[in-house]
Amino acid sequence: MISFEFTEVVDRPVEEVFAYLTDAKKLPEWQSMVSESRQDSPGPMGVGTRVTNVRNFLGRRIESEAEVTAYESPTRFDVRVVSGPVPFQISHTLEPREATTAVKVEAQGEPGAFFKLAEPLVGRQAERQFKSDFATLKDLLESRASS
């Protein structure tokens, strides 16, 4: 089992961070391994919405589908990967702190098939990647505010 958590503080209001975080079209902007992302379900983002992502992980092209399991604007956004080699559950809790937002990320996953053999490596790489991606999200949102 892979499990980790961390918090990233973004110097932007919680509503802005939540809107960006939950916009499937924005994923390739801040998640470095995501090359494509599309919302498959019609209508606005919410519980039950399905999103397909194409990413490159450890040199492999991986397509996965995620389902939104919690959507409480602007403080909670959870997804679970329902197809793909590493079924993750990811919780995002957003806490407003004056003009900033603390984004707590909790992730658990159970690698299957090829990735099961390399679970320690996959876990370390996934945690590094998540932290790097959320640092990018922070940088993008904060730089847009100063432009």
Foldseek 3Di string as FASTA:
>chain_A
DFKDKDKDKAQAFLQVLQVQVQDQQNCVVQQVFWPDKDWPDDDDDAAQTKMWTWGADPNDTWIWIKGWHGDDPRAWTWIWTPDTQKTKIWIWGWDGDPRMIMTMIIMDIQGDDPCNVVVVVRNVVVVVSVVRSVVSSRVVVVVVVVD
